[in-house]
Amino acid sequence: MRPVALLSLLALLLVLPAHASPPPEDIPIYAVSLVGSPYRLGGTSPETGLDCSGFVGHVYREASGILLPRGSRAISQAARPLTQAELLPGDLVFFNTLNRAFSHVGIYLGDDRFVHAASSRSGAVMISSLNNRYWRERYDGARRVTPPDNAPFIDAMPD
């Protein structure tokens, strides 16, 4: 490789934004492990029940130590927008399910699938397809969680 091309490549790698890094791979793995956990409006625990933002917050806190705000709209405002083509497993997908933007959130798994605490009607955390007509018609966009350097972190894993 020519020195100029090598230097250009090195310079590009050094200036890539920190938010370009993919979500931790533990996020989708832990999220799928919670499939079947009960749904409960306002819930934040798999033992007593989770709603959509409680589910996402719990997964991010336990799998990566990242604390997210409560509520799907607040989470959407705290994360970086993505195009659907940029989605990676662990990114967040948002939907308009209550006639207001960003009223539902789930965790993208890849292959157009996502895991979420759907509703009291479904009763549990489940996996759905972005290609399902219901979700496709309500899709609001995607976001990547990219905490700033001073974001609150917790030590979710014992030493």
N, C-alpha and C. Protein backbone atom coordinates (compact mmCIF):
# COMPACT_ATOMS: atom_id res chain seq x y z
N MET A 1 0.85 -1.17 0.00
CA MET A 1 0.00 0.00 0.00
C MET A 1 0.89 1.24 0.00
N ARG A 2 0.52 2.25 -0.77
CA ARG A 2 1.31 3.47 -0.85
C ARG A 2 1.24 4.24 0.47
N PRO A 3 2.32 4.92 0.86
CA PRO A 3 2.32 5.66 2.12
C PRO A 3 1.20 6.70 2.22
N VAL A 4 0.89 7.38 1.13
CA VAL A 4 -0.17 8.40 1.16
C VAL A 4 -1.52 7.73 1.46
N ALA A 5 -1.79 6.61 0.82
CA ALA A 5 -3.05 5.90 1.05
C ALA A 5 -3.11 5.37 2.47
N LEU A 6 -1.99 4.87 2.96
CA LEU A 6 -1.94 4.36 4.33
C LEU A 6 -2.18 5.48 5.33
N LEU A 7 -1.55 6.63 5.12
CA LEU A 7 -1.76 7.77 6.01
C LEU A 7 -3.20 8.27 5.94
N SER A 8 -3.77 8.28 4.76
CA SER A 8 -5.16 8.71 4.61
C SER A 8 -6.10 7.78 5.37
N LEU A 9 -5.86 6.47 5.27
CA LEU A 9 -6.67 5.50 5.98
C LEU A 9 -6.51 5.67 7.49
N LEU A 10 -5.29 5.85 7.94
CA LEU A 10 -5.04 6.06 9.36
C LEU A 10 -5.73 7.32 9.86
N ALA A 11 -5.64 8.40 9.10
CA ALA A 11 -6.29 9.65 9.47
C ALA A 11 -7.81 9.48 9.55
N LEU A 12 -8.38 8.73 8.62
CA LEU A 12 -9.82 8.49 8.63
C LEU A 12 -10.22 7.72 9.89
N LEU A 13 -9.46 6.72 10.25
CA LEU A 13 -9.76 5.95 11.45
C LEU A 13 -9.67 6.80 12.71
N LEU A 14 -8.76 7.74 12.74
CA LEU A 14 -8.58 8.59 13.92
C LEU A 14 -9.68 9.63 14.07
N VAL A 15 -10.31 10.02 12.97
CA VAL A 15 -11.34 11.06 13.05
C VAL A 15 -12.76 10.49 13.05
N LEU A 16 -12.92 9.19 12.93
CA LEU A 16 -14.26 8.62 12.99
C LEU A 16 -14.88 8.95 14.34
N PRO A 17 -16.12 9.37 14.35
CA PRO A 17 -16.75 9.72 15.62
C PRO A 17 -16.90 8.50 16.53
N ALA A 18 -16.85 8.74 17.82
CA ALA A 18 -16.97 7.66 18.80
C ALA A 18 -18.33 6.98 18.69
N HIS A 19 -19.36 7.71 18.30
CA HIS A 19 -20.70 7.13 18.24
C HIS A 19 -20.88 6.16 17.08
N ALA A 20 -19.87 6.00 16.25
CA ALA A 20 -19.97 5.06 15.13
C ALA A 20 -19.83 3.62 15.59
N SER A 21 -19.34 3.40 16.80
CA SER A 21 -19.14 2.04 17.27
C SER A 21 -20.49 1.36 17.48
N PRO A 22 -20.56 0.07 17.18
CA PRO A 22 -21.83 -0.66 17.31
C PRO A 22 -22.19 -0.85 18.78
N PRO A 23 -23.47 -1.15 19.02
CA PRO A 23 -23.88 -1.44 20.39
C PRO A 23 -23.17 -2.68 20.93
N PRO A 24 -23.01 -2.78 22.24
CA PRO A 24 -22.39 -3.99 22.80
C PRO A 24 -23.19 -5.23 22.42
N GLU A 25 -22.49 -6.32 22.08
CA GLU A 25 -23.19 -7.53 21.64
C GLU A 25 -23.98 -8.20 22.75
N ASP A 26 -23.69 -7.85 24.00
CA ASP A 26 -24.46 -8.42 25.11
C ASP A 26 -25.90 -7.90 25.14
N ILE A 27 -26.15 -6.74 24.53
CA ILE A 27 -27.50 -6.16 24.55
C ILE A 27 -28.53 -7.10 23.92
N PRO A 28 -28.39 -7.49 22.65
CA PRO A 28 -29.43 -8.37 22.08
C PRO A 28 -29.48 -9.75 22.73
N ILE A 29 -28.34 -10.25 23.17
CA ILE A 29 -28.31 -11.57 23.82
C ILE A 29 -29.13 -11.54 25.11
N TYR A 30 -28.89 -10.52 25.94
CA TYR A 30 -29.63 -10.43 27.20
C TYR A 30 -31.11 -10.14 26.92
N ALA A 31 -31.38 -9.29 25.94
CA ALA A 31 -32.77 -8.96 25.61
C ALA A 31 -33.56 -10.21 25.25
N VAL A 32 -32.99 -11.07 24.42
CA VAL A 32 -33.68 -12.30 24.01
C VAL A 32 -33.89 -13.23 25.20
N SER A 33 -32.97 -13.21 26.15
CA SER A 33 -33.11 -14.08 27.33
C SER A 33 -34.35 -13.71 28.15
N LEU A 34 -34.88 -12.51 27.95
CA LEU A 34 -36.05 -12.06 28.71
C LEU A 34 -37.38 -12.32 28.01
N VAL A 35 -37.33 -12.93 26.81
CA VAL A 35 -38.57 -13.27 26.11
C VAL A 35 -39.43 -14.13 27.02
N GLY A 36 -40.69 -13.77 27.13
CA GLY A 36 -41.62 -14.47 28.01
C GLY A 36 -41.80 -13.79 29.35
N SER A 37 -40.93 -12.84 29.71
CA SER A 37 -41.11 -12.09 30.96
C SER A 37 -42.43 -11.35 30.89
N PRO A 38 -43.12 -11.20 32.02
CA PRO A 38 -44.45 -10.59 31.98
C PRO A 38 -44.42 -9.10 31.63
N TYR A 39 -45.50 -8.64 31.00
CA TYR A 39 -45.70 -7.23 30.71
C TYR A 39 -46.43 -6.60 31.90
N ARG A 40 -46.00 -5.38 32.27
CA ARG A 40 -46.72 -4.59 33.26
C ARG A 40 -46.47 -3.12 32.96
N LEU A 41 -47.53 -2.35 32.77
CA LEU A 41 -47.41 -0.92 32.52
C LEU A 41 -46.64 -0.27 33.67
N GLY A 42 -45.58 0.45 33.34
CA GLY A 42 -44.75 1.09 34.36
C GLY A 42 -43.69 0.17 34.94
N GLY A 43 -43.67 -1.08 34.49
CA GLY A 43 -42.77 -2.07 35.07
C GLY A 43 -41.33 -1.93 34.61
N THR A 44 -40.40 -2.23 35.53
CA THR A 44 -38.97 -2.14 35.22
C THR A 44 -38.20 -3.38 35.62
N SER A 45 -38.90 -4.43 35.99
CA SER A 45 -38.24 -5.65 36.46
C SER A 45 -38.81 -6.88 35.76
N PRO A 46 -37.94 -7.79 35.29
CA PRO A 46 -38.47 -9.00 34.65
C PRO A 46 -39.25 -9.89 35.61
N GLU A 47 -38.98 -9.78 36.89
CA GLU A 47 -39.69 -10.60 37.87
C GLU A 47 -41.13 -10.13 38.07
N THR A 48 -41.33 -8.80 38.11
CA THR A 48 -42.68 -8.28 38.38
C THR A 48 -43.36 -7.74 37.14
N GLY A 49 -42.63 -7.59 36.04
CA GLY A 49 -43.19 -7.12 34.79
C GLY A 49 -42.47 -5.91 34.24
N LEU A 50 -42.50 -5.79 32.92
CA LEU A 50 -41.80 -4.73 32.20
C LEU A 50 -42.73 -4.08 31.19
N ASP A 51 -42.64 -2.76 31.04
CA ASP A 51 -43.25 -2.14 29.87
C ASP A 51 -42.12 -1.89 28.88
N CYS A 52 -42.41 -1.27 27.75
CA CYS A 52 -41.39 -1.20 26.69
C CYS A 52 -40.15 -0.43 27.11
N SER A 53 -40.31 0.75 27.70
CA SER A 53 -39.12 1.52 28.09
C SER A 53 -38.46 0.92 29.33
N GLY A 54 -39.25 0.31 30.20
CA GLY A 54 -38.66 -0.37 31.35
C GLY A 54 -37.82 -1.56 30.92
N PHE A 55 -38.28 -2.26 29.89
CA PHE A 55 -37.54 -3.38 29.32
C PHE A 55 -36.22 -2.91 28.74
N VAL A 56 -36.27 -1.88 27.87
CA VAL A 56 -35.05 -1.36 27.24
C VAL A 56 -34.08 -0.83 28.29
N GLY A 57 -34.59 -0.07 29.24
CA GLY A 57 -33.74 0.45 30.31
C GLY A 57 -33.09 -0.65 31.13
N HIS A 58 -33.87 -1.67 31.47
CA HIS A 58 -33.34 -2.80 32.24
C HIS A 58 -32.24 -3.52 31.47
N VAL A 59 -32.48 -3.79 30.18
CA VAL A 59 -31.49 -4.51 29.37
C VAL A 59 -30.19 -3.70 29.28
N TYR A 60 -30.28 -2.43 28.96
CA TYR A 60 -29.06 -1.62 28.83
C TYR A 60 -28.31 -1.51 30.15
N ARG A 61 -29.05 -1.36 31.24
CA ARG A 61 -28.41 -1.24 32.57
C ARG A 61 -27.70 -2.55 32.95
N GLU A 62 -28.39 -3.66 32.79
CA GLU A 62 -27.82 -4.94 33.21
C GLU A 62 -26.75 -5.47 32.27
N ALA A 63 -26.92 -5.27 30.97
CA ALA A 63 -25.98 -5.84 30.00
C ALA A 63 -24.77 -4.96 29.74
N SER A 64 -24.91 -3.64 29.95
CA SER A 64 -23.78 -2.76 29.61
C SER A 64 -23.50 -1.68 30.63
N GLY A 65 -24.33 -1.58 31.67
CA GLY A 65 -24.11 -0.55 32.68
C GLY A 65 -24.55 0.83 32.26
N ILE A 66 -25.27 0.96 31.16
CA ILE A 66 -25.73 2.25 30.67
C ILE A 66 -27.10 2.56 31.25
N LEU A 67 -27.21 3.72 31.88
CA LEU A 67 -28.50 4.16 32.43
C LEU A 67 -29.22 5.00 31.40
N LEU A 68 -30.43 4.61 31.05
CA LEU A 68 -31.24 5.34 30.09
C LEU A 68 -32.35 6.08 30.82
N PRO A 69 -32.84 7.17 30.22
CA PRO A 69 -33.99 7.85 30.83
C PRO A 69 -35.23 6.96 30.78
N ARG A 70 -36.21 7.28 31.56
CA ARG A 70 -37.47 6.53 31.60
C ARG A 70 -38.42 7.09 30.55
N GLY A 71 -39.04 6.24 29.82
CA GLY A 71 -40.01 6.63 28.80
C GLY A 71 -39.40 6.54 27.42
N SER A 72 -40.19 6.01 26.47
CA SER A 72 -39.67 5.79 25.13
C SER A 72 -39.31 7.10 24.43
N ARG A 73 -40.09 8.15 24.61
CA ARG A 73 -39.78 9.43 23.97
C ARG A 73 -38.47 10.00 24.53
N ALA A 74 -38.28 9.94 25.85
CA ALA A 74 -37.05 10.43 26.46
C ALA A 74 -35.84 9.63 25.98
N ILE A 75 -36.01 8.33 25.83
CA ILE A 75 -34.92 7.49 25.31
C ILE A 75 -34.59 7.91 23.88
N SER A 76 -35.62 8.17 23.07
CA SER A 76 -35.37 8.57 21.67
C SER A 76 -34.59 9.88 21.61
N GLN A 77 -34.84 10.78 22.53
CA GLN A 77 -34.15 12.07 22.54
C GLN A 77 -32.72 11.96 23.04
N ALA A 78 -32.42 10.90 23.78
CA ALA A 78 -31.08 10.71 24.34
C ALA A 78 -30.17 9.88 23.44
N ALA A 79 -30.71 9.38 22.34
CA ALA A 79 -29.94 8.50 21.45
C ALA A 79 -29.79 9.14 20.08
N ARG A 80 -28.81 8.66 19.32
CA ARG A 80 -28.47 9.21 18.01
C ARG A 80 -29.34 8.58 16.92
N PRO A 81 -29.99 9.40 16.07
CA PRO A 81 -30.81 8.86 14.98
C PRO A 81 -29.98 8.05 13.98
N LEU A 82 -30.61 7.02 13.44
CA LEU A 82 -30.00 6.15 12.42
C LEU A 82 -30.99 5.97 11.28
N THR A 83 -30.46 5.64 10.12
CA THR A 83 -31.35 5.18 9.06
C THR A 83 -31.60 3.69 9.29
N GLN A 84 -32.64 3.17 8.68
CA GLN A 84 -32.94 1.75 8.84
C GLN A 84 -31.79 0.89 8.30
N ALA A 85 -31.09 1.39 7.28
CA ALA A 85 -29.96 0.65 6.70
C ALA A 85 -28.78 0.57 7.66
N GLU A 86 -28.69 1.48 8.62
CA GLU A 86 -27.58 1.50 9.58
C GLU A 86 -27.84 0.62 10.81
N LEU A 87 -29.03 0.08 10.95
CA LEU A 87 -29.39 -0.70 12.14
C LEU A 87 -28.45 -1.88 12.36
N LEU A 88 -28.02 -2.02 13.60
CA LEU A 88 -27.23 -3.17 14.04
C LEU A 88 -27.91 -3.79 15.25
N PRO A 89 -27.68 -5.07 15.50
CA PRO A 89 -28.25 -5.68 16.70
C PRO A 89 -27.87 -4.89 17.95
N GLY A 90 -28.87 -4.59 18.76
CA GLY A 90 -28.67 -3.80 19.97
C GLY A 90 -29.13 -2.36 19.83
N ASP A 91 -29.33 -1.89 18.59
CA ASP A 91 -29.87 -0.56 18.37
C ASP A 91 -31.35 -0.56 18.76
N LEU A 92 -31.92 0.63 18.87
CA LEU A 92 -33.31 0.76 19.28
C LEU A 92 -34.19 1.11 18.08
N VAL A 93 -35.38 0.54 18.07
CA VAL A 93 -36.38 0.86 17.06
C VAL A 93 -37.61 1.44 17.77
N PHE A 94 -38.20 2.47 17.15
CA PHE A 94 -39.30 3.21 17.76
C PHE A 94 -40.52 3.18 16.86
N PHE A 95 -41.68 3.26 17.53
CA PHE A 95 -42.96 3.16 16.84
C PHE A 95 -43.96 4.15 17.41
N ASN A 96 -44.93 4.52 16.59
CA ASN A 96 -46.05 5.36 16.99
C ASN A 96 -47.24 4.43 17.20
N THR A 97 -47.46 4.02 18.45
CA THR A 97 -48.54 3.08 18.75
C THR A 97 -49.71 3.73 19.48
N LEU A 98 -49.52 4.97 19.94
CA LEU A 98 -50.57 5.65 20.71
C LEU A 98 -50.93 7.00 20.09
N ASN A 99 -50.82 7.09 18.77
CA ASN A 99 -51.05 8.33 18.05
C ASN A 99 -50.14 9.46 18.52
N ARG A 100 -48.94 9.09 18.92
CA ARG A 100 -47.90 10.08 19.21
C ARG A 100 -46.54 9.43 18.91
N ALA A 101 -45.65 10.26 18.40
CA ALA A 101 -44.34 9.76 17.98
C ALA A 101 -43.57 9.14 19.15
N PHE A 102 -42.81 8.12 18.84
CA PHE A 102 -41.90 7.47 19.79
C PHE A 102 -42.63 6.98 21.05
N SER A 103 -43.82 6.41 20.86
CA SER A 103 -44.58 5.92 22.01
C SER A 103 -44.28 4.46 22.34
N HIS A 104 -43.47 3.79 21.52
CA HIS A 104 -43.09 2.40 21.80
C HIS A 104 -41.66 2.19 21.34
N VAL A 105 -40.90 1.36 22.08
CA VAL A 105 -39.50 1.11 21.75
C VAL A 105 -39.19 -0.37 21.92
N GLY A 106 -38.28 -0.85 21.07
CA GLY A 106 -37.79 -2.21 21.16
C GLY A 106 -36.32 -2.25 20.81
N ILE A 107 -35.71 -3.41 20.96
CA ILE A 107 -34.28 -3.61 20.69
C ILE A 107 -34.14 -4.45 19.42
N TYR A 108 -33.42 -3.90 18.46
CA TYR A 108 -33.24 -4.56 17.17
C TYR A 108 -32.33 -5.78 17.32
N LEU A 109 -32.70 -6.89 16.65
CA LEU A 109 -31.94 -8.14 16.73
C LEU A 109 -31.21 -8.47 15.45
N GLY A 110 -31.53 -7.82 14.36
CA GLY A 110 -31.01 -8.19 13.05
C GLY A 110 -32.08 -8.92 12.26
N ASP A 111 -31.88 -9.06 10.96
CA ASP A 111 -32.83 -9.75 10.09
C ASP A 111 -34.25 -9.21 10.23
N ASP A 112 -34.38 -7.88 10.43
CA ASP A 112 -35.67 -7.20 10.55
C ASP A 112 -36.51 -7.68 11.73
N ARG A 113 -35.86 -8.20 12.77
CA ARG A 113 -36.57 -8.64 13.98
C ARG A 113 -36.18 -7.73 15.14
N PHE A 114 -37.09 -7.59 16.09
CA PHE A 114 -36.81 -6.83 17.30
C PHE A 114 -37.51 -7.48 18.49
N VAL A 115 -36.99 -7.23 19.67
CA VAL A 115 -37.56 -7.77 20.90
C VAL A 115 -38.09 -6.60 21.70
N HIS A 116 -39.27 -6.80 22.32
CA HIS A 116 -39.93 -5.69 23.03
C HIS A 116 -40.96 -6.22 24.00
N ALA A 117 -41.30 -5.37 24.97
CA ALA A 117 -42.41 -5.64 25.86
C ALA A 117 -43.62 -5.01 25.19
N ALA A 118 -44.38 -5.82 24.48
CA ALA A 118 -45.36 -5.30 23.54
C ALA A 118 -46.52 -4.55 24.19
N SER A 119 -47.33 -5.23 24.98
CA SER A 119 -48.51 -4.59 25.56
C SER A 119 -49.18 -5.54 26.54
N SER A 120 -50.17 -5.01 27.22
CA SER A 120 -50.93 -5.87 28.13
C SER A 120 -51.70 -6.92 27.34
N ARG A 121 -51.99 -6.65 26.07
CA ARG A 121 -52.71 -7.64 25.24
C ARG A 121 -51.83 -8.85 24.97
N SER A 122 -50.55 -8.62 24.63
CA SER A 122 -49.64 -9.76 24.38
C SER A 122 -49.21 -10.39 25.69
N GLY A 123 -49.07 -9.57 26.72
CA GLY A 123 -48.80 -10.06 28.06
C GLY A 123 -47.37 -10.39 28.39
N ALA A 124 -46.44 -10.24 27.43
CA ALA A 124 -45.07 -10.67 27.71
C ALA A 124 -44.08 -10.01 26.74
N VAL A 125 -42.81 -10.11 27.10
CA VAL A 125 -41.73 -9.71 26.19
C VAL A 125 -41.73 -10.71 25.04
N MET A 126 -41.63 -10.19 23.82
CA MET A 126 -41.73 -11.05 22.64
C MET A 126 -40.84 -10.54 21.51
N ILE A 127 -40.64 -11.37 20.51
CA ILE A 127 -39.91 -11.00 19.30
C ILE A 127 -40.93 -10.77 18.19
N SER A 128 -40.76 -9.66 17.46
CA SER A 128 -41.65 -9.33 16.34
C SER A 128 -40.81 -8.97 15.12
N SER A 129 -41.47 -8.87 13.98
CA SER A 129 -40.81 -8.52 12.73
C SER A 129 -41.15 -7.09 12.33
N LEU A 130 -40.14 -6.36 11.89
CA LEU A 130 -40.38 -5.02 11.34
C LEU A 130 -41.21 -5.11 10.07
N ASN A 131 -41.24 -6.27 9.43
CA ASN A 131 -42.00 -6.45 8.21
C ASN A 131 -43.48 -6.74 8.46
N ASN A 132 -43.83 -7.01 9.71
CA ASN A 132 -45.23 -7.21 10.06
C ASN A 132 -45.97 -5.91 9.75
N ARG A 133 -47.13 -6.01 9.12
CA ARG A 133 -47.85 -4.81 8.69
C ARG A 133 -48.08 -3.83 9.83
N TYR A 134 -48.48 -4.31 10.99
CA TYR A 134 -48.74 -3.42 12.14
C TYR A 134 -47.50 -2.59 12.47
N TRP A 135 -46.35 -3.24 12.62
CA TRP A 135 -45.13 -2.53 13.01
C TRP A 135 -44.59 -1.69 11.86
N ARG A 136 -44.67 -2.19 10.65
CA ARG A 136 -44.18 -1.43 9.48
C ARG A 136 -44.93 -0.10 9.34
N GLU A 137 -46.24 -0.10 9.54
CA GLU A 137 -47.06 1.11 9.41
C GLU A 137 -46.83 2.10 10.55
N ARG A 138 -46.29 1.64 11.66
CA ARG A 138 -46.10 2.50 12.83
C ARG A 138 -44.63 2.83 13.11
N TYR A 139 -43.74 2.36 12.25
CA TYR A 139 -42.30 2.57 12.44
C TYR A 139 -41.98 4.06 12.46
N ASP A 140 -41.27 4.51 13.50
CA ASP A 140 -40.92 5.92 13.69
C ASP A 140 -39.44 6.19 13.48
N GLY A 141 -38.63 5.15 13.42
CA GLY A 141 -37.21 5.36 13.21
C GLY A 141 -36.38 4.54 14.18
N ALA A 142 -35.07 4.72 14.03
CA ALA A 142 -34.11 3.96 14.83
C ALA A 142 -33.14 4.92 15.50
N ARG A 143 -32.56 4.45 16.59
CA ARG A 143 -31.60 5.25 17.34
C ARG A 143 -30.49 4.32 17.86
N ARG A 144 -29.32 4.91 18.07
CA ARG A 144 -28.21 4.20 18.70
C ARG A 144 -27.87 4.90 20.00
N VAL A 145 -27.77 4.12 21.06
CA VAL A 145 -27.40 4.67 22.37
C VAL A 145 -25.90 4.94 22.35
N THR A 146 -25.54 6.18 22.56
CA THR A 146 -24.14 6.60 22.55
C THR A 146 -23.93 7.55 23.73
N PRO A 147 -23.70 7.01 24.90
CA PRO A 147 -23.58 7.89 26.07
C PRO A 147 -22.36 8.79 25.94
N PRO A 148 -22.50 10.06 26.36
CA PRO A 148 -21.34 10.94 26.37
C PRO A 148 -20.34 10.48 27.42
N ASP A 149 -19.14 11.03 27.36
CA ASP A 149 -18.08 10.63 28.29
C ASP A 149 -18.49 10.78 29.75
N ASN A 150 -19.37 11.74 30.04
CA ASN A 150 -19.75 11.98 31.43
C ASN A 150 -21.08 11.32 31.78
N ALA A 151 -21.56 10.38 30.96
CA ALA A 151 -22.84 9.72 31.23
C ALA A 151 -22.72 8.85 32.47
N PRO A 152 -23.83 8.71 33.20
CA PRO A 152 -23.79 7.86 34.38
C PRO A 152 -23.68 6.39 34.00
N PHE A 153 -22.74 5.70 34.59
CA PHE A 153 -22.57 4.28 34.39
C PHE A 153 -22.66 3.59 35.75
N ILE A 154 -23.07 2.35 35.73
CA ILE A 154 -23.05 1.56 36.94
C ILE A 154 -22.26 0.31 36.66
N ASP A 155 -21.75 -0.31 37.68
CA ASP A 155 -21.04 -1.56 37.52
C ASP A 155 -22.06 -2.68 37.61
N ALA A 156 -22.54 -3.10 36.46
CA ALA A 156 -23.62 -4.09 36.42
C ALA A 156 -23.11 -5.51 36.63
N MET A 157 -21.83 -5.73 36.41
CA MET A 157 -21.29 -7.07 36.55
C MET A 157 -20.40 -7.16 37.80
N PRO A 158 -20.61 -8.19 38.61
CA PRO A 158 -19.75 -8.33 39.79
C PRO A 158 -18.32 -8.64 39.36
N ASP A 159 -17.36 -8.21 40.17
CA ASP A 159 -15.95 -8.47 39.87
C ASP A 159 -15.58 -9.91 40.09
